[in-house]
Amino acid sequence: MAGEPTAPAASGVKRDTKAPGRRNLRRKTFIARALPHGVLIAFSAVILLPLLWLLRVALTDKLTAYKIPPEWVQPKLSNFVEIFTGYPFFDYFLNSVTVAVGATLCAL
């Protein structure tokens, strides 16, 4: 068997010699379709990670918020309680709303 010539394909049908080229074309189209998704995921991470960091810092105490390396601890709402009870938050909020509405009306 070794050394014997191989018989041509049955019924005279030629083998498809373009199959490797088709695989390369499929690979190129997969890369062309996947690349934009990869870029969008990377940009989304660049935008979302600072927001997640901001949320992490808001839900921790002052000592834990600025530790290097950061520690991931149980979230606490004490910072928000302090804002609403220790400061006149609603007065500041009303002042901001008044300025925003006034500036909008002036622009119109």
PDB file of N, CA and C in Angstrom:
ATOM      1  N   MET A   1       0.802  -1.167   0.000  1.00  0.00           N
ATOM      2  CA  MET A   1       0.000   0.000   0.000  1.00  0.00           C
ATOM      3  C   MET A   1       0.862   1.255   0.000  1.00  0.00           C
ATOM      4  N   ALA A   2       1.901   1.249   0.771  1.00  0.00           N
ATOM      5  CA  ALA A   2       2.759   2.420   0.767  1.00  0.00           C
ATOM      6  C   ALA A   2       3.454   2.510  -0.561  1.00  0.00           C
ATOM      7  N   GLY A   3       3.507   3.678  -1.101  1.00  0.00           N
ATOM      8  CA  GLY A   3       4.175   3.871  -2.377  1.00  0.00           C
ATOM      9  C   GLY A   3       3.260   3.719  -3.557  1.00  0.00           C
ATOM     10  N   GLU A   4       2.020   3.245  -3.352  1.00  0.00           N
ATOM     11  CA  GLU A   4       1.084   3.112  -4.461  1.00  0.00           C
ATOM     12  C   GLU A   4       0.467   4.464  -4.773  1.00  0.00           C
ATOM     13  N   PRO A   5       0.252   4.768  -6.026  1.00  0.00           N
ATOM     14  CA  PRO A   5      -0.399   6.032  -6.367  1.00  0.00           C
ATOM     15  C   PRO A   5      -1.859   6.016  -5.917  1.00  0.00           C
ATOM     16  N   THR A   6      -2.336   7.136  -5.515  1.00  0.00           N
ATOM     17  CA  THR A   6      -3.727   7.205  -5.071  1.00  0.00           C
ATOM     18  C   THR A   6      -4.633   7.332  -6.278  1.00  0.00           C
ATOM     19  N   ALA A   7      -5.802   6.783  -6.137  1.00  0.00           N
ATOM     20  CA  ALA A   7      -6.763   6.799  -7.238  1.00  0.00           C
ATOM     21  C   ALA A   7      -7.427   8.175  -7.298  1.00  0.00           C
ATOM     22  N   PRO A   8      -7.822   8.611  -8.497  1.00  0.00           N
ATOM     23  CA  PRO A   8      -8.530   9.880  -8.598  1.00  0.00           C
ATOM     24  C   PRO A   8      -9.870   9.794  -7.876  1.00  0.00           C
ATOM     25  N   ALA A   9     -10.424  10.921  -7.590  1.00  0.00           N
ATOM     26  CA  ALA A   9     -11.697  10.969  -6.874  1.00  0.00           C
ATOM     27  C   ALA A   9     -12.767  10.243  -7.661  1.00  0.00           C
ATOM     28  N   ALA A  10     -13.763   9.709  -6.981  1.00  0.00           N
ATOM     29  CA  ALA A  10     -14.829   8.935  -7.602  1.00  0.00           C
ATOM     30  C   ALA A  10     -15.586   9.776  -8.624  1.00  0.00           C
ATOM     31  N   SER A  11     -15.972   9.154  -9.679  1.00  0.00           N
ATOM     32  CA  SER A  11     -16.765   9.721 -10.772  1.00  0.00           C
ATOM     33  C   SER A  11     -16.122  10.951 -11.403  1.00  0.00           C
ATOM     34  N   GLY A  12     -14.801  11.043 -11.331  1.00  0.00           N
ATOM     35  CA  GLY A  12     -14.087  12.092 -12.032  1.00  0.00           C
ATOM     36  C   GLY A  12     -14.276  13.486 -11.448  1.00  0.00           C
ATOM     37  N   VAL A  13     -14.818  13.600 -10.235  1.00  0.00           N
ATOM     38  CA  VAL A  13     -15.020  14.912  -9.619  1.00  0.00           C
ATOM     39  C   VAL A  13     -13.700  15.387  -9.053  1.00  0.00           C
ATOM     40  N   LYS A  14     -13.330  16.618  -9.378  1.00  0.00           N
ATOM     41  CA  LYS A  14     -12.080  17.168  -8.861  1.00  0.00           C
ATOM     42  C   LYS A  14     -12.263  17.580  -7.414  1.00  0.00           C
ATOM     43  N   ARG A  15     -11.185  17.484  -6.679  1.00  0.00           N
ATOM     44  CA  ARG A  15     -11.209  17.946  -5.300  1.00  0.00           C
ATOM     45  C   ARG A  15     -11.273  19.472  -5.283  1.00  0.00           C
ATOM     46  N   ASP A  16     -11.918  19.996  -4.234  1.00  0.00           N
ATOM     47  CA  ASP A  16     -12.027  21.452  -4.090  1.00  0.00           C
ATOM     48  C   ASP A  16     -10.720  21.968  -3.502  1.00  0.00           C
ATOM     49  N   THR A  17      -9.910  22.577  -4.359  1.00  0.00           N
ATOM     50  CA  THR A  17      -8.620  23.076  -3.895  1.00  0.00           C
ATOM     51  C   THR A  17      -8.727  24.460  -3.299  1.00  0.00           C
ATOM     52  N   LYS A  18      -9.911  25.087  -3.337  1.00  0.00           N
ATOM     53  CA  LYS A  18     -10.085  26.425  -2.812  1.00  0.00           C
ATOM     54  C   LYS A  18     -10.530  26.436  -1.355  1.00  0.00           C
ATOM     55  N   ALA A  19     -10.645  25.299  -0.726  1.00  0.00           N
ATOM     56  CA  ALA A  19     -11.123  25.235   0.657  1.00  0.00           C
ATOM     57  C   ALA A  19     -10.249  26.047   1.617  1.00  0.00           C
ATOM     58  N   PRO A  20      -8.912  25.966   1.531  1.00  0.00           N
ATOM     59  CA  PRO A  20      -8.130  26.792   2.457  1.00  0.00           C
ATOM     60  C   PRO A  20      -8.370  28.283   2.264  1.00  0.00           C
ATOM     61  N   GLY A  21      -8.586  28.724   1.048  1.00  0.00           N
ATOM     62  CA  GLY A  21      -8.879  30.125   0.800  1.00  0.00           C
ATOM     63  C   GLY A  21     -10.207  30.542   1.403  1.00  0.00           C
ATOM     64  N   ARG A  22     -11.165  29.640   1.359  1.00  0.00           N
ATOM     65  CA  ARG A  22     -12.465  29.940   1.949  1.00  0.00           C
ATOM     66  C   ARG A  22     -12.341  30.057   3.467  1.00  0.00           C
ATOM     67  N   ARG A  23     -11.498  29.218   4.052  1.00  0.00           N
ATOM     68  CA  ARG A  23     -11.294  29.316   5.499  1.00  0.00           C
ATOM     69  C   ARG A  23     -10.663  30.656   5.856  1.00  0.00           C
ATOM     70  N   ASN A  24      -9.706  31.110   5.049  1.00  0.00           N
ATOM     71  CA  ASN A  24      -9.097  32.415   5.308  1.00  0.00           C
ATOM     72  C   ASN A  24     -10.124  33.534   5.155  1.00  0.00           C
ATOM     73  N   LEU A  25     -11.015  33.400   4.175  1.00  0.00           N
ATOM     74  CA  LEU A  25     -12.051  34.403   3.977  1.00  0.00           C
ATOM     75  C   LEU A  25     -13.001  34.425   5.167  1.00  0.00           C
ATOM     76  N   ARG A  26     -13.376  33.228   5.660  1.00  0.00           N
ATOM     77  CA  ARG A  26     -14.236  33.168   6.843  1.00  0.00           C
ATOM     78  C   ARG A  26     -13.556  33.801   8.049  1.00  0.00           C
ATOM     79  N   ARG A  27     -12.264  33.530   8.193  1.00  0.00           N
ATOM     80  CA  ARG A  27     -11.512  34.100   9.320  1.00  0.00           C
ATOM     81  C   ARG A  27     -11.467  35.620   9.203  1.00  0.00           C
ATOM     82  N   LYS A  28     -11.250  36.134   7.992  1.00  0.00           N
ATOM     83  CA  LYS A  28     -11.200  37.581   7.799  1.00  0.00           C
ATOM     84  C   LYS A  28     -12.560  38.215   8.085  1.00  0.00           C
ATOM     85  N   THR A  29     -13.641  37.577   7.645  1.00  0.00           N
ATOM     86  CA  THR A  29     -14.954  38.155   7.918  1.00  0.00           C
ATOM     87  C   THR A  29     -15.276  38.078   9.403  1.00  0.00           C
ATOM     88  N   PHE A  30     -14.847  37.024  10.091  1.00  0.00           N
ATOM     89  CA  PHE A  30     -15.063  36.939  11.537  1.00  0.00           C
ATOM     90  C   PHE A  30     -14.314  38.058  12.252  1.00  0.00           C
ATOM     91  N   ILE A  31     -13.069  38.279  11.852  1.00  0.00           N
ATOM     92  CA  ILE A  31     -12.275  39.348  12.464  1.00  0.00           C
ATOM     93  C   ILE A  31     -12.897  40.703  12.144  1.00  0.00           C
ATOM     94  N   ALA A  32     -13.352  40.881  10.907  1.00  0.00           N
ATOM     95  CA  ALA A  32     -13.958  42.151  10.521  1.00  0.00           C
ATOM     96  C   ALA A  32     -15.253  42.413  11.293  1.00  0.00           C
ATOM     97  N   ARG A  33     -15.975  41.339  11.648  1.00  0.00           N
ATOM     98  CA  ARG A  33     -17.198  41.521  12.438  1.00  0.00           C
ATOM     99  C   ARG A  33     -16.884  41.639  13.921  1.00  0.00           C
ATOM    100  N   ALA A  34     -15.861  40.973  14.424  1.00  0.00           N
ATOM    101  CA  ALA A  34     -15.567  40.963  15.860  1.00  0.00           C
ATOM    102  C   ALA A  34     -14.775  42.195  16.294  1.00  0.00           C
ATOM    103  N   LEU A  35     -13.981  42.757  15.421  1.00  0.00           N
ATOM    104  CA  LEU A  35     -13.134  43.892  15.788  1.00  0.00           C
ATOM    105  C   LEU A  35     -13.929  45.099  16.279  1.00  0.00           C
ATOM    106  N   PRO A  36     -14.988  45.516  15.598  1.00  0.00           N
ATOM    107  CA  PRO A  36     -15.758  46.653  16.133  1.00  0.00           C
ATOM    108  C   PRO A  36     -16.352  46.374  17.514  1.00  0.00           C
ATOM    109  N   HIS A  37     -16.780  45.132  17.736  1.00  0.00           N
ATOM    110  CA  HIS A  37     -17.316  44.782  19.049  1.00  0.00           C
ATOM    111  C   HIS A  37     -16.237  44.877  20.125  1.00  0.00           C
ATOM    112  N   GLY A  38     -15.042  44.429  19.815  1.00  0.00           N
ATOM    113  CA  GLY A  38     -13.947  44.527  20.761  1.00  0.00           C
ATOM    114  C   GLY A  38     -13.597  45.967  21.089  1.00  0.00           C
ATOM    115  N   VAL A  39     -13.607  46.813  20.071  1.00  0.00           N
ATOM    116  CA  VAL A  39     -13.315  48.234  20.289  1.00  0.00           C
ATOM    117  C   VAL A  39     -14.410  48.865  21.151  1.00  0.00           C
ATOM    118  N   LEU A  40     -15.676  48.541  20.872  1.00  0.00           N
ATOM    119  CA  LEU A  40     -16.778  49.088  21.663  1.00  0.00           C
ATOM    120  C   LEU A  40     -16.719  48.617  23.110  1.00  0.00           C
ATOM    121  N   ILE A  41     -16.352  47.367  23.333  1.00  0.00           N
ATOM    122  CA  ILE A  41     -16.224  46.850  24.699  1.00  0.00           C
ATOM    123  C   ILE A  41     -15.094  47.572  25.423  1.00  0.00           C
ATOM    124  N   ALA A  42     -13.982  47.802  24.754  1.00  0.00           N
ATOM    125  CA  ALA A  42     -12.860  48.513  25.383  1.00  0.00           C
ATOM    126  C   ALA A  42     -13.246  49.943  25.746  1.00  0.00           C
ATOM    127  N   PHE A  43     -13.904  50.651  24.837  1.00  0.00           N
ATOM    128  CA  PHE A  43     -14.332  52.022  25.137  1.00  0.00           C
ATOM    129  C   PHE A  43     -15.383  52.053  26.239  1.00  0.00           C
ATOM    130  N   SER A  44     -16.272  51.072  26.252  1.00  0.00           N
ATOM    131  CA  SER A  44     -17.269  50.998  27.321  1.00  0.00           C
ATOM    132  C   SER A  44     -16.603  50.804  28.669  1.00  0.00           C
ATOM    133  N   ALA A  45     -15.565  49.974  28.721  1.00  0.00           N
ATOM    134  CA  ALA A  45     -14.837  49.774  29.978  1.00  0.00           C
ATOM    135  C   ALA A  45     -14.160  51.060  30.424  1.00  0.00           C
ATOM    136  N   VAL A  46     -13.596  51.804  29.470  1.00  0.00           N
ATOM    137  CA  VAL A  46     -12.941  53.071  29.810  1.00  0.00           C
ATOM    138  C   VAL A  46     -13.950  54.050  30.405  1.00  0.00           C
ATOM    139  N   ILE A  47     -15.173  54.027  29.909  1.00  0.00           N
ATOM    140  CA  ILE A  47     -16.192  54.939  30.417  1.00  0.00           C
ATOM    141  C   ILE A  47     -16.810  54.434  31.720  1.00  0.00           C
ATOM    142  N   LEU A  48     -17.054  53.132  31.834  1.00  0.00           N
ATOM    143  CA  LEU A  48     -17.772  52.605  32.992  1.00  0.00           C
ATOM    144  C   LEU A  48     -16.898  52.395  34.226  1.00  0.00           C
ATOM    145  N   LEU A  49     -15.632  52.081  34.067  1.00  0.00           N
ATOM    146  CA  LEU A  49     -14.794  51.817  35.235  1.00  0.00           C
ATOM    147  C   LEU A  49     -14.662  53.015  36.170  1.00  0.00           C
ATOM    148  N   PRO A  50     -14.476  54.239  35.698  1.00  0.00           N
ATOM    149  CA  PRO A  50     -14.460  55.367  36.639  1.00  0.00           C
ATOM    150  C   PRO A  50     -15.786  55.552  37.375  1.00  0.00           C
ATOM    151  N   LEU A  51     -16.896  55.275  36.706  1.00  0.00           N
ATOM    152  CA  LEU A  51     -18.188  55.391  37.376  1.00  0.00           C
ATOM    153  C   LEU A  51     -18.345  54.326  38.457  1.00  0.00           C
ATOM    154  N   LEU A  52     -17.866  53.117  38.184  1.00  0.00           N
ATOM    155  CA  LEU A  52     -17.898  52.066  39.204  1.00  0.00           C
ATOM    156  C   LEU A  52     -16.978  52.413  40.369  1.00  0.00           C
ATOM    157  N   TRP A  53     -15.839  53.018  40.075  1.00  0.00           N
ATOM    158  CA  TRP A  53     -14.915  53.451  41.133  1.00  0.00           C
ATOM    159  C   TRP A  53     -15.567  54.537  41.995  1.00  0.00           C
ATOM    160  N   LEU A  54     -16.259  55.462  41.365  1.00  0.00           N
ATOM    161  CA  LEU A  54     -16.965  56.510  42.085  1.00  0.00           C
ATOM    162  C   LEU A  54     -18.020  55.913  43.013  1.00  0.00           C
ATOM    163  N   LEU A  55     -18.748  54.931  42.544  1.00  0.00           N
ATOM    164  CA  LEU A  55     -19.750  54.262  43.367  1.00  0.00           C
ATOM    165  C   LEU A  55     -19.096  53.528  44.530  1.00  0.00           C
ATOM    166  N   ARG A  56     -17.953  52.874  44.276  1.00  0.00           N
ATOM    167  CA  ARG A  56     -17.241  52.167  45.335  1.00  0.00           C
ATOM    168  C   ARG A  56     -16.787  53.138  46.422  1.00  0.00           C
ATOM    169  N   VAL A  57     -16.239  54.283  46.020  1.00  0.00           N
ATOM    170  CA  VAL A  57     -15.771  55.260  46.995  1.00  0.00           C
ATOM    171  C   VAL A  57     -16.950  55.860  47.761  1.00  0.00           C
ATOM    172  N   ALA A  58     -18.080  56.066  47.102  1.00  0.00           N
ATOM    173  CA  ALA A  58     -19.242  56.649  47.765  1.00  0.00           C
ATOM    174  C   ALA A  58     -19.822  55.715  48.813  1.00  0.00           C
ATOM    175  N   LEU A  59     -19.653  54.422  48.629  1.00  0.00           N
ATOM    176  CA  LEU A  59     -20.255  53.456  49.545  1.00  0.00           C
ATOM    177  C   LEU A  59     -19.285  52.924  50.591  1.00  0.00           C
ATOM    178  N   THR A  60     -18.115  53.539  50.745  1.00  0.00           N
ATOM    179  CA  THR A  60     -17.174  53.110  51.776  1.00  0.00           C
ATOM    180  C   THR A  60     -16.865  54.285  52.689  1.00  0.00           C
ATOM    181  N   ASP A  61     -16.229  53.990  53.815  1.00  0.00           N
ATOM    182  CA  ASP A  61     -15.858  55.079  54.721  1.00  0.00           C
ATOM    183  C   ASP A  61     -14.599  55.772  54.215  1.00  0.00           C
ATOM    184  N   LYS A  62     -14.235  56.894  54.839  1.00  0.00           N
ATOM    185  CA  LYS A  62     -13.134  57.723  54.337  1.00  0.00           C
ATOM    186  C   LYS A  62     -11.788  56.992  54.401  1.00  0.00           C
ATOM    187  N   LEU A  63     -11.566  56.215  55.430  1.00  0.00           N
ATOM    188  CA  LEU A  63     -10.279  55.522  55.555  1.00  0.00           C
ATOM    189  C   LEU A  63     -10.115  54.447  54.494  1.00  0.00           C
ATOM    190  N   THR A  64     -11.162  53.719  54.213  1.00  0.00           N
ATOM    191  CA  THR A  64     -11.092  52.630  53.236  1.00  0.00           C
ATOM    192  C   THR A  64     -11.083  53.169  51.806  1.00  0.00           C
ATOM    193  N   ALA A  65     -11.718  54.313  51.590  1.00  0.00           N
ATOM    194  CA  ALA A  65     -11.859  54.844  50.232  1.00  0.00           C
ATOM    195  C   ALA A  65     -10.514  55.181  49.596  1.00  0.00           C
ATOM    196  N   TYR A  66      -9.553  55.611  50.403  1.00  0.00           N
ATOM    197  CA  TYR A  66      -8.277  56.075  49.833  1.00  0.00           C
ATOM    198  C   TYR A  66      -7.107  55.151  50.136  1.00  0.00           C
ATOM    199  N   LYS A  67      -7.369  53.913  50.529  1.00  0.00           N
ATOM    200  CA  LYS A  67      -6.280  52.960  50.781  1.00  0.00           C
ATOM    201  C   LYS A  67      -5.699  52.476  49.464  1.00  0.00           C
ATOM    202  N   ILE A  68      -4.395  52.273  49.480  1.00  0.00           N
ATOM    203  CA  ILE A  68      -3.709  51.713  48.317  1.00  0.00           C
ATOM    204  C   ILE A  68      -2.997  50.464  48.798  1.00  0.00           C
ATOM    205  N   PRO A  69      -3.216  49.309  48.267  1.00  0.00           N
ATOM    206  CA  PRO A  69      -4.195  48.935  47.245  1.00  0.00           C
ATOM    207  C   PRO A  69      -5.619  49.005  47.813  1.00  0.00           C
ATOM    208  N   PRO A  70      -6.590  49.195  46.930  1.00  0.00           N
ATOM    209  CA  PRO A  70      -7.967  49.357  47.406  1.00  0.00           C
ATOM    210  C   PRO A  70      -8.499  48.076  48.040  1.00  0.00           C
ATOM    211  N   GLU A  71      -9.296  48.249  49.063  1.00  0.00           N
ATOM    212  CA  GLU A  71      -9.945  47.113  49.716  1.00  0.00           C
ATOM    213  C   GLU A  71     -11.421  47.125  49.331  1.00  0.00           C
ATOM    214  N   TRP A  72     -11.932  45.951  49.043  1.00  0.00           N
ATOM    215  CA  TRP A  72     -13.346  45.836  48.698  1.00  0.00           C
ATOM    216  C   TRP A  72     -14.061  45.351  49.945  1.00  0.00           C
ATOM    217  N   VAL A  73     -14.826  46.226  50.551  1.00  0.00           N
ATOM    218  CA  VAL A  73     -15.506  45.917  51.804  1.00  0.00           C
ATOM    219  C   VAL A  73     -17.013  46.001  51.607  1.00  0.00           C
ATOM    220  N   GLN A  74     -17.728  45.643  52.663  1.00  0.00           N
ATOM    221  CA  GLN A  74     -19.190  45.718  52.646  1.00  0.00           C
ATOM    222  C   GLN A  74     -19.622  47.180  52.470  1.00  0.00           C
ATOM    223  N   PRO A  75     -20.500  47.472  51.501  1.00  0.00           N
ATOM    224  CA  PRO A  75     -20.929  48.858  51.293  1.00  0.00           C
ATOM    225  C   PRO A  75     -21.678  49.404  52.502  1.00  0.00           C
ATOM    226  N   LYS A  76     -21.483  50.693  52.755  1.00  0.00           N
ATOM    227  CA  LYS A  76     -22.140  51.377  53.870  1.00  0.00           C
ATOM    228  C   LYS A  76     -22.828  52.622  53.332  1.00  0.00           C
ATOM    229  N   LEU A  77     -23.983  52.928  53.885  1.00  0.00           N
ATOM    230  CA  LEU A  77     -24.727  54.111  53.465  1.00  0.00           C
ATOM    231  C   LEU A  77     -24.530  55.278  54.425  1.00  0.00           C
ATOM    232  N   SER A  78     -23.580  55.165  55.333  1.00  0.00           N
ATOM    233  CA  SER A  78     -23.383  56.214  56.337  1.00  0.00           C
ATOM    234  C   SER A  78     -22.980  57.549  55.697  1.00  0.00           C
ATOM    235  N   ASN A  79     -22.273  57.522  54.572  1.00  0.00           N
ATOM    236  CA  ASN A  79     -21.903  58.768  53.891  1.00  0.00           C
ATOM    237  C   ASN A  79     -23.137  59.534  53.439  1.00  0.00           C
ATOM    238  N   PHE A  80     -24.126  58.812  52.925  1.00  0.00           N
ATOM    239  CA  PHE A  80     -25.337  59.463  52.441  1.00  0.00           C
ATOM    240  C   PHE A  80     -26.192  59.966  53.602  1.00  0.00           C
ATOM    241  N   VAL A  81     -26.212  59.209  54.683  1.00  0.00           N
ATOM    242  CA  VAL A  81     -26.945  59.661  55.873  1.00  0.00           C
ATOM    243  C   VAL A  81     -26.317  60.953  56.393  1.00  0.00           C
ATOM    244  N   GLU A  82     -24.985  61.019  56.401  1.00  0.00           N
ATOM    245  CA  GLU A  82     -24.283  62.222  56.864  1.00  0.00           C
ATOM    246  C   GLU A  82     -24.603  63.432  55.976  1.00  0.00           C
ATOM    247  N   ILE A  83     -24.685  63.226  54.684  1.00  0.00           N
ATOM    248  CA  ILE A  83     -24.994  64.331  53.768  1.00  0.00           C
ATOM    249  C   ILE A  83     -26.380  64.899  54.055  1.00  0.00           C
ATOM    250  N   PHE A  84     -27.367  64.022  54.235  1.00  0.00           N
ATOM    251  CA  PHE A  84     -28.740  64.495  54.402  1.00  0.00           C
ATOM    252  C   PHE A  84     -29.017  65.027  55.807  1.00  0.00           C
ATOM    253  N   THR A  85     -28.278  64.559  56.825  1.00  0.00           N
ATOM    254  CA  THR A  85     -28.551  65.018  58.188  1.00  0.00           C
ATOM    255  C   THR A  85     -27.565  66.082  58.666  1.00  0.00           C
ATOM    256  N   GLY A  86     -26.335  66.043  58.199  1.00  0.00           N
ATOM    257  CA  GLY A  86     -25.310  66.951  58.705  1.00  0.00           C
ATOM    258  C   GLY A  86     -25.180  68.247  57.947  1.00  0.00           C
ATOM    259  N   TYR A  87     -25.737  68.329  56.756  1.00  0.00           N
ATOM    260  CA  TYR A  87     -25.612  69.512  55.920  1.00  0.00           C
ATOM    261  C   TYR A  87     -26.984  69.900  55.396  1.00  0.00           C
ATOM    262  N   PRO A  88     -27.183  71.174  55.057  1.00  0.00           N
ATOM    263  CA  PRO A  88     -28.479  71.590  54.478  1.00  0.00           C
ATOM    264  C   PRO A  88     -28.539  71.227  52.985  1.00  0.00           C
ATOM    265  N   PHE A  89     -28.555  69.934  52.707  1.00  0.00           N
ATOM    266  CA  PHE A  89     -28.494  69.445  51.326  1.00  0.00           C
ATOM    267  C   PHE A  89     -29.651  69.986  50.489  1.00  0.00           C
ATOM    268  N   PHE A  90     -30.851  69.964  51.023  1.00  0.00           N
ATOM    269  CA  PHE A  90     -32.013  70.378  50.231  1.00  0.00           C
ATOM    270  C   PHE A  90     -31.975  71.868  49.896  1.00  0.00           C
ATOM    271  N   ASP A  91     -31.389  72.679  50.762  1.00  0.00           N
ATOM    272  CA  ASP A  91     -31.209  74.103  50.430  1.00  0.00           C
ATOM    273  C   ASP A  91     -30.241  74.262  49.265  1.00  0.00           C
ATOM    274  N   TYR A  92     -29.148  73.503  49.314  1.00  0.00           N
ATOM    275  CA  TYR A  92     -28.174  73.545  48.212  1.00  0.00           C
ATOM    276  C   TYR A  92     -28.796  73.037  46.914  1.00  0.00           C
ATOM    277  N   PHE A  93     -29.598  71.980  47.026  1.00  0.00           N
ATOM    278  CA  PHE A  93     -30.245  71.405  45.850  1.00  0.00           C
ATOM    279  C   PHE A  93     -31.233  72.408  45.246  1.00  0.00           C
ATOM    280  N   LEU A  94     -32.015  73.049  46.084  1.00  0.00           N
ATOM    281  CA  LEU A  94     -32.973  74.041  45.609  1.00  0.00           C
ATOM    282  C   LEU A  94     -32.254  75.219  44.944  1.00  0.00           C
ATOM    283  N   ASN A  95     -31.122  75.619  45.498  1.00  0.00           N
ATOM    284  CA  ASN A  95     -30.325  76.683  44.896  1.00  0.00           C
ATOM    285  C   ASN A  95     -29.844  76.269  43.497  1.00  0.00           C
ATOM    286  N   SER A  96     -29.382  75.045  43.356  1.00  0.00           N
ATOM    287  CA  SER A  96     -28.909  74.557  42.052  1.00  0.00           C
ATOM    288  C   SER A  96     -30.042  74.503  41.040  1.00  0.00           C
ATOM    289  N   VAL A  97     -31.207  74.036  41.471  1.00  0.00           N
ATOM    290  CA  VAL A  97     -32.358  73.966  40.564  1.00  0.00           C
ATOM    291  C   VAL A  97     -32.776  75.368  40.133  1.00  0.00           C
ATOM    292  N   THR A  98     -32.768  76.320  41.060  1.00  0.00           N
ATOM    293  CA  THR A  98     -33.126  77.701  40.725  1.00  0.00           C
ATOM    294  C   THR A  98     -32.173  78.292  39.689  1.00  0.00           C
ATOM    295  N   VAL A  99     -30.902  78.096  39.881  1.00  0.00           N
ATOM    296  CA  VAL A  99     -29.909  78.601  38.916  1.00  0.00           C
ATOM    297  C   VAL A  99     -30.071  77.924  37.561  1.00  0.00           C
ATOM    298  N   ALA A 100     -30.292  76.603  37.541  1.00  0.00           N
ATOM    299  CA  ALA A 100     -30.435  75.878  36.272  1.00  0.00           C
ATOM    300  C   ALA A 100     -31.677  76.334  35.521  1.00  0.00           C
ATOM    301  N   VAL A 101     -32.784  76.479  36.218  1.00  0.00           N
ATOM    302  CA  VAL A 101     -34.015  76.927  35.567  1.00  0.00           C
ATOM    303  C   VAL A 101     -33.859  78.362  35.071  1.00  0.00           C
ATOM    304  N   GLY A 102     -33.248  79.224  35.875  1.00  0.00           N
ATOM    305  CA  GLY A 102     -33.025  80.612  35.451  1.00  0.00           C
ATOM    306  C   GLY A 102     -32.144  80.707  34.233  1.00  0.00           C
ATOM    307  N   ALA A 103     -31.074  79.930  34.206  1.00  0.00           N
ATOM    308  CA  ALA A 103     -30.173  79.944  33.040  1.00  0.00           C
ATOM    309  C   ALA A 103     -30.872  79.405  31.801  1.00  0.00           C
ATOM    310  N   THR A 104     -31.721  78.394  31.966  1.00  0.00           N
ATOM    311  CA  THR A 104     -32.462  77.852  30.829  1.00  0.00           C
ATOM    312  C   THR A 104     -33.451  78.870  30.282  1.00  0.00           C
ATOM    313  N   LEU A 105     -34.146  79.556  31.178  1.00  0.00           N
ATOM    314  CA  LEU A 105     -35.098  80.566  30.726  1.00  0.00           C
ATOM    315  C   LEU A 105     -34.402  81.734  30.029  1.00  0.00           C
ATOM    316  N   CYS A 106     -33.237  82.117  30.513  1.00  0.00           N
ATOM    317  CA  CYS A 106     -32.472  83.194  29.849  1.00  0.00           C
ATOM    318  C   CYS A 106     -32.004  82.779  28.462  1.00  0.00           C
ATOM    319  N   ALA A 107     -31.676  81.507  28.307  1.00  0.00           N
ATOM    320  CA  ALA A 107     -31.204  81.012  27.021  1.00  0.00           C
ATOM    321  C   ALA A 107     -32.319  80.936  26.000  1.00  0.00           C
ATOM    322  N   LEU A 108     -33.551  80.757  26.466  1.00  0.00           N
ATOM    323  CA  LEU A 108     -34.670  80.659  25.543  1.00  0.00           C
ATOM    324  C   LEU A 108     -35.037  82.037  25.074  1.00  0.00           C
TER     325      LEU A 108
END
